[in-house]
Amino acid sequence: ATRVERLLGTGSASREAWRLAGECYLQMQDMDKALQAFNTALSFEQKFDDPVVYVHLGTVLLAKKRWKQASMMLLRSIHFRPTAEAWSGVAYAEYRADELQLCYEALCEANLLDNERSDVWAQLTLVHLRMENRESADGCFKQCLAHSPDCEELLIEVSAEYNRRERHPSFAEAAARRALEL
């Protein structure tokens, strides 16, 4: 990290150096420095046409709970190349912003691109529970479990939402148990 910081401190670092620094900071879970590096990389006149930059910046913004900005960056990545990861991120941001319809639409897009993502199925479960589509929620949760979920936070939320709605205590327990295994 110190080598990267020395290079960036010279004032002559290229947009690619700033992008790579953002990637490094993201991997190190230093979201503040990652955000700063990605924003500096994007401030250069020549823009990136690689969607990964926007997905990673969107990921940083999600971690910082900047839902609308995250959604915008992820949608920008989708402009270059639609991916299930980006659509799932848009859905997560919209769910957190309490925009359930936009969340649902993004999840449908993510599911069309990759219907084996357990995080998408978990988010669909949450959306259907909140919209009171109980049978759809149950079906989505079964799909989530079928795809070996590794999304601890979402599983805890699914468990809490099933408990709150006093529906299928066995599903609430299954979600909580799976989250504890992670």
N, C-alpha and C. Protein backbone atom coordinates (compact mmCIF):
# COMPACT_ATOMS: atom_id res chain seq x y z
N ALA A 1 0.83 -1.19 0.00
CA ALA A 1 0.00 0.00 0.00
C ALA A 1 0.87 1.26 0.00
N THR A 2 2.00 1.20 0.69
CA THR A 2 2.84 2.40 0.75
C THR A 2 3.44 2.72 -0.61
N ARG A 3 3.79 1.70 -1.39
CA ARG A 3 4.32 1.95 -2.74
C ARG A 3 3.28 2.65 -3.60
N VAL A 4 2.06 2.16 -3.52
CA VAL A 4 0.97 2.75 -4.29
C VAL A 4 0.78 4.20 -3.86
N GLU A 5 0.76 4.44 -2.56
CA GLU A 5 0.56 5.80 -2.06
C GLU A 5 1.69 6.73 -2.48
N ARG A 6 2.91 6.21 -2.52
CA ARG A 6 4.04 7.03 -2.97
C ARG A 6 3.86 7.41 -4.43
N LEU A 7 3.46 6.44 -5.26
CA LEU A 7 3.25 6.71 -6.68
C LEU A 7 2.15 7.74 -6.87
N LEU A 8 1.06 7.57 -6.16
CA LEU A 8 -0.07 8.50 -6.30
C LEU A 8 0.28 9.88 -5.77
N GLY A 9 1.13 9.94 -4.78
CA GLY A 9 1.53 11.21 -4.17
C GLY A 9 2.41 12.07 -5.06
N THR A 10 2.99 11.50 -6.10
CA THR A 10 3.87 12.27 -6.98
C THR A 10 3.11 13.28 -7.82
N GLY A 11 1.80 13.07 -7.97
CA GLY A 11 1.00 13.99 -8.78
C GLY A 11 1.02 13.68 -10.25
N SER A 12 1.79 12.68 -10.66
CA SER A 12 1.87 12.35 -12.08
C SER A 12 1.24 10.99 -12.39
N ALA A 13 0.48 10.46 -11.46
CA ALA A 13 -0.13 9.14 -11.67
C ALA A 13 -1.21 9.22 -12.75
N SER A 14 -1.25 8.20 -13.58
CA SER A 14 -2.22 8.14 -14.67
C SER A 14 -3.58 7.68 -14.15
N ARG A 15 -4.58 7.78 -15.01
CA ARG A 15 -5.91 7.30 -14.61
C ARG A 15 -5.87 5.81 -14.34
N GLU A 16 -5.04 5.08 -15.08
CA GLU A 16 -4.92 3.63 -14.87
C GLU A 16 -4.29 3.33 -13.51
N ALA A 17 -3.30 4.14 -13.11
CA ALA A 17 -2.69 3.96 -11.79
C ALA A 17 -3.73 4.20 -10.69
N TRP A 18 -4.56 5.22 -10.88
CA TRP A 18 -5.62 5.49 -9.90
C TRP A 18 -6.65 4.36 -9.88
N ARG A 19 -6.97 3.83 -11.05
CA ARG A 19 -7.92 2.71 -11.12
C ARG A 19 -7.36 1.50 -10.38
N LEU A 20 -6.10 1.19 -10.65
CA LEU A 20 -5.46 0.05 -9.98
C LEU A 20 -5.37 0.27 -8.47
N ALA A 21 -5.11 1.50 -8.07
CA ALA A 21 -5.09 1.80 -6.64
C ALA A 21 -6.48 1.55 -6.04
N GLY A 22 -7.51 1.95 -6.75
CA GLY A 22 -8.87 1.69 -6.29
C GLY A 22 -9.14 0.21 -6.12
N GLU A 23 -8.65 -0.57 -7.09
CA GLU A 23 -8.81 -2.03 -7.01
C GLU A 23 -8.08 -2.58 -5.77
N CYS A 24 -6.87 -2.09 -5.55
CA CYS A 24 -6.09 -2.55 -4.38
C CYS A 24 -6.80 -2.21 -3.08
N TYR A 25 -7.24 -0.97 -2.97
CA TYR A 25 -7.92 -0.56 -1.74
C TYR A 25 -9.22 -1.33 -1.54
N LEU A 26 -9.92 -1.63 -2.64
CA LEU A 26 -11.15 -2.42 -2.54
C LEU A 26 -10.83 -3.80 -1.98
N GLN A 27 -9.77 -4.42 -2.49
CA GLN A 27 -9.37 -5.74 -2.00
C GLN A 27 -8.96 -5.70 -0.53
N MET A 28 -8.40 -4.58 -0.11
CA MET A 28 -7.98 -4.43 1.28
C MET A 28 -9.13 -3.96 2.18
N GLN A 29 -10.31 -3.79 1.57
CA GLN A 29 -11.51 -3.34 2.29
C GLN A 29 -11.38 -1.93 2.87
N ASP A 30 -10.52 -1.11 2.27
CA ASP A 30 -10.40 0.29 2.68
C ASP A 30 -11.28 1.11 1.73
N MET A 31 -12.56 1.19 2.07
CA MET A 31 -13.55 1.77 1.17
C MET A 31 -13.36 3.28 0.98
N ASP A 32 -12.88 3.98 1.98
CA ASP A 32 -12.67 5.42 1.82
C ASP A 32 -11.60 5.70 0.77
N LYS A 33 -10.46 5.01 0.88
CA LYS A 33 -9.38 5.21 -0.09
C LYS A 33 -9.77 4.67 -1.46
N ALA A 34 -10.52 3.56 -1.49
CA ALA A 34 -10.98 3.01 -2.77
C ALA A 34 -11.88 4.02 -3.48
N LEU A 35 -12.79 4.60 -2.74
CA LEU A 35 -13.70 5.59 -3.32
C LEU A 35 -12.92 6.78 -3.87
N GLN A 36 -11.97 7.27 -3.10
CA GLN A 36 -11.16 8.41 -3.54
C GLN A 36 -10.38 8.06 -4.80
N ALA A 37 -9.77 6.88 -4.83
CA ALA A 37 -8.97 6.49 -5.99
C ALA A 37 -9.84 6.31 -7.24
N PHE A 38 -10.98 5.64 -7.09
CA PHE A 38 -11.87 5.45 -8.25
C PHE A 38 -12.40 6.79 -8.75
N ASN A 39 -12.78 7.67 -7.85
CA ASN A 39 -13.28 8.98 -8.27
C ASN A 39 -12.20 9.78 -8.99
N THR A 40 -10.97 9.69 -8.52
CA THR A 40 -9.87 10.38 -9.20
C THR A 40 -9.66 9.78 -10.58
N ALA A 41 -9.69 8.46 -10.69
CA ALA A 41 -9.54 7.81 -11.99
C ALA A 41 -10.63 8.25 -12.96
N LEU A 42 -11.84 8.39 -12.46
CA LEU A 42 -12.95 8.78 -13.33
C LEU A 42 -12.94 10.27 -13.66
N SER A 43 -12.16 11.05 -12.94
CA SER A 43 -12.12 12.50 -13.19
C SER A 43 -11.27 12.85 -14.42
N PHE A 44 -10.48 11.91 -14.92
CA PHE A 44 -9.67 12.17 -16.10
C PHE A 44 -10.58 12.38 -17.31
N GLU A 45 -10.09 13.15 -18.26
CA GLU A 45 -10.90 13.48 -19.43
C GLU A 45 -11.29 12.22 -20.21
N GLN A 46 -10.34 11.33 -20.41
CA GLN A 46 -10.64 10.09 -21.14
C GLN A 46 -11.37 9.15 -20.18
N LYS A 47 -12.56 8.73 -20.58
CA LYS A 47 -13.39 7.90 -19.71
C LYS A 47 -13.08 6.42 -19.93
N PHE A 48 -13.45 5.62 -18.95
CA PHE A 48 -13.26 4.17 -19.03
C PHE A 48 -14.40 3.56 -19.84
N ASP A 49 -14.05 2.59 -20.67
CA ASP A 49 -15.09 1.83 -21.35
C ASP A 49 -15.12 0.39 -20.83
N ASP A 50 -14.42 0.16 -19.74
CA ASP A 50 -14.41 -1.15 -19.09
C ASP A 50 -15.45 -1.13 -17.97
N PRO A 51 -16.48 -1.97 -18.07
CA PRO A 51 -17.54 -1.94 -17.06
C PRO A 51 -17.08 -2.33 -15.66
N VAL A 52 -15.97 -3.04 -15.56
CA VAL A 52 -15.49 -3.51 -14.25
C VAL A 52 -15.20 -2.33 -13.32
N VAL A 53 -14.67 -1.25 -13.87
CA VAL A 53 -14.37 -0.07 -13.06
C VAL A 53 -15.65 0.43 -12.38
N TYR A 54 -16.72 0.49 -13.15
CA TYR A 54 -17.99 1.00 -12.61
C TYR A 54 -18.62 0.01 -11.63
N VAL A 55 -18.46 -1.29 -11.90
CA VAL A 55 -18.97 -2.30 -10.96
C VAL A 55 -18.23 -2.18 -9.63
N HIS A 56 -16.92 -2.04 -9.68
CA HIS A 56 -16.14 -1.94 -8.45
C HIS A 56 -16.43 -0.64 -7.70
N LEU A 57 -16.58 0.46 -8.42
CA LEU A 57 -16.96 1.71 -7.75
C LEU A 57 -18.36 1.57 -7.15
N GLY A 58 -19.26 0.92 -7.87
CA GLY A 58 -20.60 0.66 -7.33
C GLY A 58 -20.54 -0.17 -6.07
N THR A 59 -19.66 -1.15 -6.04
CA THR A 59 -19.48 -2.00 -4.85
C THR A 59 -19.01 -1.17 -3.66
N VAL A 60 -18.07 -0.27 -3.91
CA VAL A 60 -17.58 0.61 -2.84
C VAL A 60 -18.72 1.50 -2.34
N LEU A 61 -19.49 2.05 -3.25
CA LEU A 61 -20.60 2.92 -2.86
C LEU A 61 -21.67 2.15 -2.09
N LEU A 62 -21.90 0.89 -2.46
CA LEU A 62 -22.83 0.05 -1.68
C LEU A 62 -22.32 -0.12 -0.26
N ALA A 63 -21.02 -0.39 -0.13
CA ALA A 63 -20.44 -0.58 1.21
C ALA A 63 -20.56 0.70 2.04
N LYS A 64 -20.52 1.85 1.37
CA LYS A 64 -20.63 3.13 2.07
C LYS A 64 -22.09 3.58 2.20
N LYS A 65 -23.02 2.74 1.76
CA LYS A 65 -24.47 2.98 1.87
C LYS A 65 -24.92 4.22 1.12
N ARG A 66 -24.30 4.46 0.00
CA ARG A 66 -24.71 5.55 -0.90
C ARG A 66 -25.52 4.92 -2.03
N TRP A 67 -26.77 4.60 -1.72
CA TRP A 67 -27.59 3.75 -2.59
C TRP A 67 -27.78 4.31 -3.99
N LYS A 68 -28.17 5.56 -4.11
CA LYS A 68 -28.46 6.12 -5.45
C LYS A 68 -27.19 6.22 -6.29
N GLN A 69 -26.10 6.66 -5.68
CA GLN A 69 -24.83 6.75 -6.42
C GLN A 69 -24.37 5.36 -6.85
N ALA A 70 -24.53 4.39 -5.97
CA ALA A 70 -24.14 3.01 -6.30
C ALA A 70 -24.95 2.51 -7.48
N SER A 71 -26.24 2.74 -7.42
CA SER A 71 -27.12 2.30 -8.50
C SER A 71 -26.72 2.95 -9.82
N MET A 72 -26.40 4.25 -9.80
CA MET A 72 -25.99 4.95 -11.02
C MET A 72 -24.71 4.36 -11.60
N MET A 73 -23.72 4.08 -10.76
CA MET A 73 -22.46 3.51 -11.25
C MET A 73 -22.68 2.11 -11.83
N LEU A 74 -23.48 1.32 -11.15
CA LEU A 74 -23.75 -0.03 -11.63
C LEU A 74 -24.53 0.00 -12.95
N LEU A 75 -25.46 0.92 -13.06
CA LEU A 75 -26.19 1.07 -14.33
C LEU A 75 -25.25 1.53 -15.45
N ARG A 76 -24.28 2.36 -15.10
CA ARG A 76 -23.29 2.77 -16.11
C ARG A 76 -22.50 1.56 -16.61
N SER A 77 -22.16 0.65 -15.71
CA SER A 77 -21.44 -0.56 -16.13
C SER A 77 -22.32 -1.40 -17.05
N ILE A 78 -23.61 -1.44 -16.75
CA ILE A 78 -24.56 -2.22 -17.55
C ILE A 78 -24.66 -1.64 -18.96
N HIS A 79 -24.48 -0.33 -19.07
CA HIS A 79 -24.50 0.32 -20.38
C HIS A 79 -23.42 -0.30 -21.30
N PHE A 80 -22.27 -0.64 -20.72
CA PHE A 80 -21.18 -1.23 -21.49
C PHE A 80 -21.37 -2.73 -21.67
N ARG A 81 -21.76 -3.42 -20.59
CA ARG A 81 -21.96 -4.87 -20.67
C ARG A 81 -22.85 -5.30 -19.50
N PRO A 82 -24.05 -5.77 -19.80
CA PRO A 82 -24.94 -6.22 -18.73
C PRO A 82 -24.39 -7.48 -18.06
N THR A 83 -24.34 -7.46 -16.74
CA THR A 83 -23.92 -8.64 -15.98
C THR A 83 -24.89 -8.86 -14.83
N ALA A 84 -24.99 -10.10 -14.41
CA ALA A 84 -25.84 -10.43 -13.27
C ALA A 84 -25.32 -9.74 -12.01
N GLU A 85 -24.00 -9.64 -11.89
CA GLU A 85 -23.41 -8.99 -10.72
C GLU A 85 -23.85 -7.53 -10.62
N ALA A 86 -23.80 -6.82 -11.74
CA ALA A 86 -24.19 -5.41 -11.73
C ALA A 86 -25.69 -5.26 -11.45
N TRP A 87 -26.51 -6.07 -12.11
CA TRP A 87 -27.95 -5.99 -11.87
C TRP A 87 -28.28 -6.33 -10.42
N SER A 88 -27.59 -7.31 -9.86
CA SER A 88 -27.81 -7.67 -8.46
C SER A 88 -27.44 -6.50 -7.55
N GLY A 89 -26.36 -5.81 -7.88
CA GLY A 89 -25.96 -4.63 -7.11
C GLY A 89 -26.98 -3.51 -7.20
N VAL A 90 -27.52 -3.29 -8.40
CA VAL A 90 -28.58 -2.29 -8.57
C VAL A 90 -29.77 -2.67 -7.70
N ALA A 91 -30.14 -3.95 -7.73
CA ALA A 91 -31.27 -4.42 -6.93
C ALA A 91 -31.03 -4.18 -5.45
N TYR A 92 -29.83 -4.48 -4.99
CA TYR A 92 -29.49 -4.29 -3.58
C TYR A 92 -29.63 -2.82 -3.20
N ALA A 93 -29.10 -1.94 -4.04
CA ALA A 93 -29.18 -0.50 -3.77
C ALA A 93 -30.64 -0.03 -3.75
N GLU A 94 -31.42 -0.49 -4.70
CA GLU A 94 -32.82 -0.07 -4.77
C GLU A 94 -33.62 -0.63 -3.60
N TYR A 95 -33.31 -1.85 -3.17
CA TYR A 95 -33.99 -2.42 -2.01
C TYR A 95 -33.70 -1.58 -0.77
N ARG A 96 -32.44 -1.22 -0.60
CA ARG A 96 -32.05 -0.40 0.55
C ARG A 96 -32.68 0.99 0.50
N ALA A 97 -32.91 1.48 -0.71
CA ALA A 97 -33.56 2.79 -0.88
C ALA A 97 -35.09 2.65 -0.82
N ASP A 98 -35.56 1.45 -0.55
CA ASP A 98 -36.99 1.14 -0.44
C ASP A 98 -37.74 1.35 -1.75
N GLU A 99 -37.06 1.09 -2.84
CA GLU A 99 -37.65 1.15 -4.18
C GLU A 99 -37.89 -0.29 -4.64
N LEU A 100 -38.94 -0.91 -4.13
CA LEU A 100 -39.15 -2.34 -4.35
C LEU A 100 -39.40 -2.69 -5.81
N GLN A 101 -40.13 -1.85 -6.53
CA GLN A 101 -40.42 -2.17 -7.93
C GLN A 101 -39.14 -2.14 -8.76
N LEU A 102 -38.32 -1.11 -8.57
CA LEU A 102 -37.04 -1.03 -9.30
C LEU A 102 -36.14 -2.20 -8.90
N CYS A 103 -36.15 -2.53 -7.62
CA CYS A 103 -35.37 -3.66 -7.13
C CYS A 103 -35.81 -4.94 -7.83
N TYR A 104 -37.11 -5.16 -7.88
CA TYR A 104 -37.65 -6.37 -8.51
C TYR A 104 -37.25 -6.44 -9.99
N GLU A 105 -37.36 -5.33 -10.69
CA GLU A 105 -37.00 -5.31 -12.11
C GLU A 105 -35.52 -5.64 -12.30
N ALA A 106 -34.66 -5.08 -11.46
CA ALA A 106 -33.22 -5.37 -11.55
C ALA A 106 -32.95 -6.84 -11.25
N LEU A 107 -33.66 -7.40 -10.27
CA LEU A 107 -33.48 -8.82 -9.94
C LEU A 107 -33.91 -9.71 -11.09
N CYS A 108 -34.97 -9.33 -11.78
CA CYS A 108 -35.41 -10.11 -12.95
C CYS A 108 -34.33 -10.10 -14.03
N GLU A 109 -33.72 -8.94 -14.25
CA GLU A 109 -32.62 -8.85 -15.22
C GLU A 109 -31.44 -9.72 -14.79
N ALA A 110 -31.08 -9.64 -13.52
CA ALA A 110 -29.96 -10.45 -13.01
C ALA A 110 -30.26 -11.93 -13.18
N ASN A 111 -31.48 -12.31 -12.88
CA ASN A 111 -31.87 -13.72 -12.95
C ASN A 111 -31.87 -14.22 -14.39
N LEU A 112 -32.22 -13.36 -15.34
CA LEU A 112 -32.16 -13.74 -16.75
C LEU A 112 -30.73 -14.04 -17.19
N LEU A 113 -29.79 -13.29 -16.64
CA LEU A 113 -28.38 -13.46 -17.02
C LEU A 113 -27.71 -14.62 -16.29
N ASP A 114 -28.15 -14.90 -15.06
CA ASP A 114 -27.57 -15.99 -14.27
C ASP A 114 -28.59 -16.42 -13.22
N ASN A 115 -29.30 -17.50 -13.50
CA ASN A 115 -30.35 -17.93 -12.57
C ASN A 115 -29.85 -18.86 -11.47
N GLU A 116 -28.54 -18.90 -11.27
CA GLU A 116 -27.98 -19.72 -10.20
C GLU A 116 -27.33 -18.89 -9.10
N ARG A 117 -27.57 -17.61 -9.09
CA ARG A 117 -27.00 -16.73 -8.05
C ARG A 117 -27.90 -16.77 -6.82
N SER A 118 -27.37 -17.30 -5.74
CA SER A 118 -28.17 -17.41 -4.52
C SER A 118 -28.51 -16.04 -3.94
N ASP A 119 -27.63 -15.05 -4.14
CA ASP A 119 -27.94 -13.71 -3.61
C ASP A 119 -29.15 -13.10 -4.31
N VAL A 120 -29.29 -13.39 -5.59
CA VAL A 120 -30.46 -12.89 -6.33
C VAL A 120 -31.72 -13.56 -5.81
N TRP A 121 -31.66 -14.87 -5.60
CA TRP A 121 -32.82 -15.59 -5.08
C TRP A 121 -33.17 -15.11 -3.67
N ALA A 122 -32.16 -14.83 -2.86
CA ALA A 122 -32.42 -14.32 -1.50
C ALA A 122 -33.08 -12.94 -1.56
N GLN A 123 -32.58 -12.08 -2.45
CA GLN A 123 -33.18 -10.75 -2.58
C GLN A 123 -34.61 -10.85 -3.12
N LEU A 124 -34.83 -11.77 -4.07
CA LEU A 124 -36.19 -11.98 -4.58
C LEU A 124 -37.11 -12.44 -3.46
N THR A 125 -36.60 -13.29 -2.58
CA THR A 125 -37.39 -13.74 -1.43
C THR A 125 -37.81 -12.54 -0.59
N LEU A 126 -36.85 -11.67 -0.29
CA LEU A 126 -37.14 -10.48 0.52
C LEU A 126 -38.18 -9.58 -0.15
N VAL A 127 -38.00 -9.34 -1.44
CA VAL A 127 -38.93 -8.47 -2.15
C VAL A 127 -40.34 -9.07 -2.13
N HIS A 128 -40.44 -10.36 -2.42
CA HIS A 128 -41.76 -10.99 -2.43
C HIS A 128 -42.39 -10.99 -1.04
N LEU A 129 -41.59 -11.20 0.00
CA LEU A 129 -42.14 -11.13 1.36
C LEU A 129 -42.66 -9.73 1.66
N ARG A 130 -41.88 -8.72 1.28
CA ARG A 130 -42.31 -7.34 1.54
C ARG A 130 -43.55 -6.97 0.73
N MET A 131 -43.68 -7.56 -0.46
CA MET A 131 -44.84 -7.27 -1.32
C MET A 131 -46.01 -8.22 -1.02
N GLU A 132 -45.80 -9.09 -0.04
CA GLU A 132 -46.81 -10.05 0.41
C GLU A 132 -47.18 -11.07 -0.67
N ASN A 133 -46.25 -11.41 -1.52
CA ASN A 133 -46.40 -12.50 -2.49
C ASN A 133 -45.81 -13.75 -1.85
N ARG A 134 -46.55 -14.33 -0.93
CA ARG A 134 -46.01 -15.38 -0.08
C ARG A 134 -45.55 -16.61 -0.84
N GLU A 135 -46.35 -17.08 -1.77
CA GLU A 135 -45.97 -18.29 -2.51
C GLU A 135 -44.73 -18.04 -3.35
N SER A 136 -44.64 -16.88 -3.96
CA SER A 136 -43.45 -16.55 -4.75
C SER A 136 -42.22 -16.46 -3.85
N ALA A 137 -42.40 -15.87 -2.67
CA ALA A 137 -41.29 -15.77 -1.71
C ALA A 137 -40.79 -17.16 -1.34
N ASP A 138 -41.71 -18.06 -1.05
CA ASP A 138 -41.33 -19.42 -0.66
C ASP A 138 -40.57 -20.12 -1.78
N GLY A 139 -41.06 -19.97 -3.01
CA GLY A 139 -40.38 -20.59 -4.15
C GLY A 139 -38.99 -20.02 -4.36
N CYS A 140 -38.85 -18.72 -4.20
CA CYS A 140 -37.54 -18.08 -4.35
C CYS A 140 -36.59 -18.54 -3.25
N PHE A 141 -37.10 -18.69 -2.04
CA PHE A 141 -36.24 -19.13 -0.95
C PHE A 141 -35.75 -20.56 -1.20
N LYS A 142 -36.62 -21.40 -1.71
CA LYS A 142 -36.20 -22.78 -2.04
C LYS A 142 -35.10 -22.76 -3.10
N GLN A 143 -35.24 -21.87 -4.09
CA GLN A 143 -34.20 -21.74 -5.11
C GLN A 143 -32.89 -21.24 -4.49
N CYS A 144 -33.01 -20.31 -3.58
CA CYS A 144 -31.83 -19.78 -2.88
C CYS A 144 -31.08 -20.92 -2.21
N LEU A 145 -31.79 -21.73 -1.46
CA LEU A 145 -31.15 -22.85 -0.75
C LEU A 145 -30.57 -23.88 -1.72
N ALA A 146 -31.22 -24.05 -2.85
CA ALA A 146 -30.75 -25.03 -3.84
C ALA A 146 -29.42 -24.63 -4.47
N HIS A 147 -29.09 -23.35 -4.39
CA HIS A 147 -27.86 -22.85 -5.02
C HIS A 147 -26.77 -22.52 -4.01
N SER A 148 -26.72 -23.28 -2.92
CA SER A 148 -25.67 -23.15 -1.91
C SER A 148 -25.37 -21.69 -1.55
N PRO A 149 -26.30 -21.05 -0.87
CA PRO A 149 -26.13 -19.62 -0.58
C PRO A 149 -24.90 -19.32 0.28
N ASP A 150 -24.24 -18.22 -0.08
CA ASP A 150 -23.08 -17.76 0.68
C ASP A 150 -23.23 -16.27 1.03
N CYS A 151 -24.47 -15.83 1.07
CA CYS A 151 -24.78 -14.42 1.31
C CYS A 151 -25.36 -14.27 2.72
N GLU A 152 -24.46 -14.28 3.68
CA GLU A 152 -24.82 -14.30 5.10
C GLU A 152 -25.80 -13.19 5.49
N GLU A 153 -25.47 -11.97 5.10
CA GLU A 153 -26.31 -10.83 5.47
C GLU A 153 -27.74 -10.99 4.95
N LEU A 154 -27.86 -11.40 3.69
CA LEU A 154 -29.19 -11.57 3.10
C LEU A 154 -29.95 -12.71 3.77
N LEU A 155 -29.25 -13.79 4.10
CA LEU A 155 -29.92 -14.92 4.77
C LEU A 155 -30.45 -14.50 6.14
N ILE A 156 -29.70 -13.70 6.85
CA ILE A 156 -30.17 -13.21 8.15
C ILE A 156 -31.42 -12.35 7.97
N GLU A 157 -31.41 -11.52 6.92
CA GLU A 157 -32.59 -10.70 6.65
C GLU A 157 -33.79 -11.55 6.26
N VAL A 158 -33.55 -12.59 5.46
CA VAL A 158 -34.64 -13.49 5.08
C VAL A 158 -35.23 -14.14 6.32
N SER A 159 -34.37 -14.60 7.20
CA SER A 159 -34.82 -15.22 8.45
C SER A 159 -35.66 -14.23 9.26
N ALA A 160 -35.17 -13.02 9.40
CA ALA A 160 -35.88 -12.00 10.18
C ALA A 160 -37.23 -11.66 9.54
N GLU A 161 -37.24 -11.58 8.22
CA GLU A 161 -38.48 -11.23 7.52
C GLU A 161 -39.52 -12.34 7.64
N TYR A 162 -39.10 -13.59 7.53
CA TYR A 162 -40.04 -14.71 7.75
C TYR A 162 -40.56 -14.68 9.18
N ASN A 163 -39.70 -14.41 10.15
CA ASN A 163 -40.14 -14.31 11.55
C ASN A 163 -41.12 -13.16 11.75
N ARG A 164 -40.80 -12.02 11.17
CA ARG A 164 -41.65 -10.84 11.31
C ARG A 164 -43.05 -11.10 10.74
N ARG A 165 -43.09 -11.84 9.68
CA ARG A 165 -44.38 -12.11 9.03
C ARG A 165 -45.06 -13.35 9.60
N GLU A 166 -44.38 -13.98 10.57
CA GLU A 166 -44.91 -15.19 11.20
C GLU A 166 -45.32 -16.22 10.15
N ARG A 167 -44.43 -16.42 9.22
CA ARG A 167 -44.68 -17.35 8.11
C ARG A 167 -43.52 -18.32 8.05
N HIS A 168 -43.85 -19.57 7.90
CA HIS A 168 -42.87 -20.64 7.75
C HIS A 168 -41.69 -20.53 8.72
N PRO A 169 -41.92 -20.82 9.98
CA PRO A 169 -40.82 -20.80 10.95
C PRO A 169 -39.66 -21.70 10.51
N SER A 170 -39.98 -22.76 9.78
CA SER A 170 -38.91 -23.66 9.32
C SER A 170 -38.01 -22.96 8.30
N PHE A 171 -38.58 -22.07 7.47
CA PHE A 171 -37.77 -21.32 6.51
C PHE A 171 -36.89 -20.31 7.24
N ALA A 172 -37.47 -19.66 8.25
CA ALA A 172 -36.70 -18.70 9.05
C ALA A 172 -35.52 -19.41 9.70
N GLU A 173 -35.79 -20.59 10.23
CA GLU A 173 -34.73 -21.35 10.89
C GLU A 173 -33.67 -21.80 9.88
N ALA A 174 -34.11 -22.27 8.71
CA ALA A 174 -33.17 -22.74 7.68
C ALA A 174 -32.25 -21.60 7.23
N ALA A 175 -32.82 -20.41 7.06
CA ALA A 175 -32.01 -19.26 6.64
C ALA A 175 -31.00 -18.89 7.72
N ALA A 176 -31.45 -18.88 8.96
CA ALA A 176 -30.55 -18.54 10.07
C ALA A 176 -29.44 -19.58 10.22
N ARG A 177 -29.80 -20.85 10.11
CA ARG A 177 -28.79 -21.91 10.23
C ARG A 177 -27.73 -21.80 9.14
N ARG A 178 -28.19 -21.56 7.91
CA ARG A 178 -27.24 -21.45 6.80
C ARG A 178 -26.32 -20.24 7.00
N ALA A 179 -26.88 -19.14 7.47
CA ALA A 179 -26.07 -17.94 7.73
C ALA A 179 -25.02 -18.23 8.79
N LEU A 180 -25.39 -18.97 9.82
CA LEU A 180 -24.44 -19.30 10.89
C LEU A 180 -23.32 -20.21 10.41
N GLU A 181 -23.62 -21.03 9.40
CA GLU A 181 -22.59 -21.93 8.85
C GLU A 181 -21.50 -21.16 8.10
N LEU A 182 -21.84 -19.96 7.64
CA LEU A 182 -20.89 -19.20 6.81
C LEU A 182 -19.84 -18.53 7.60
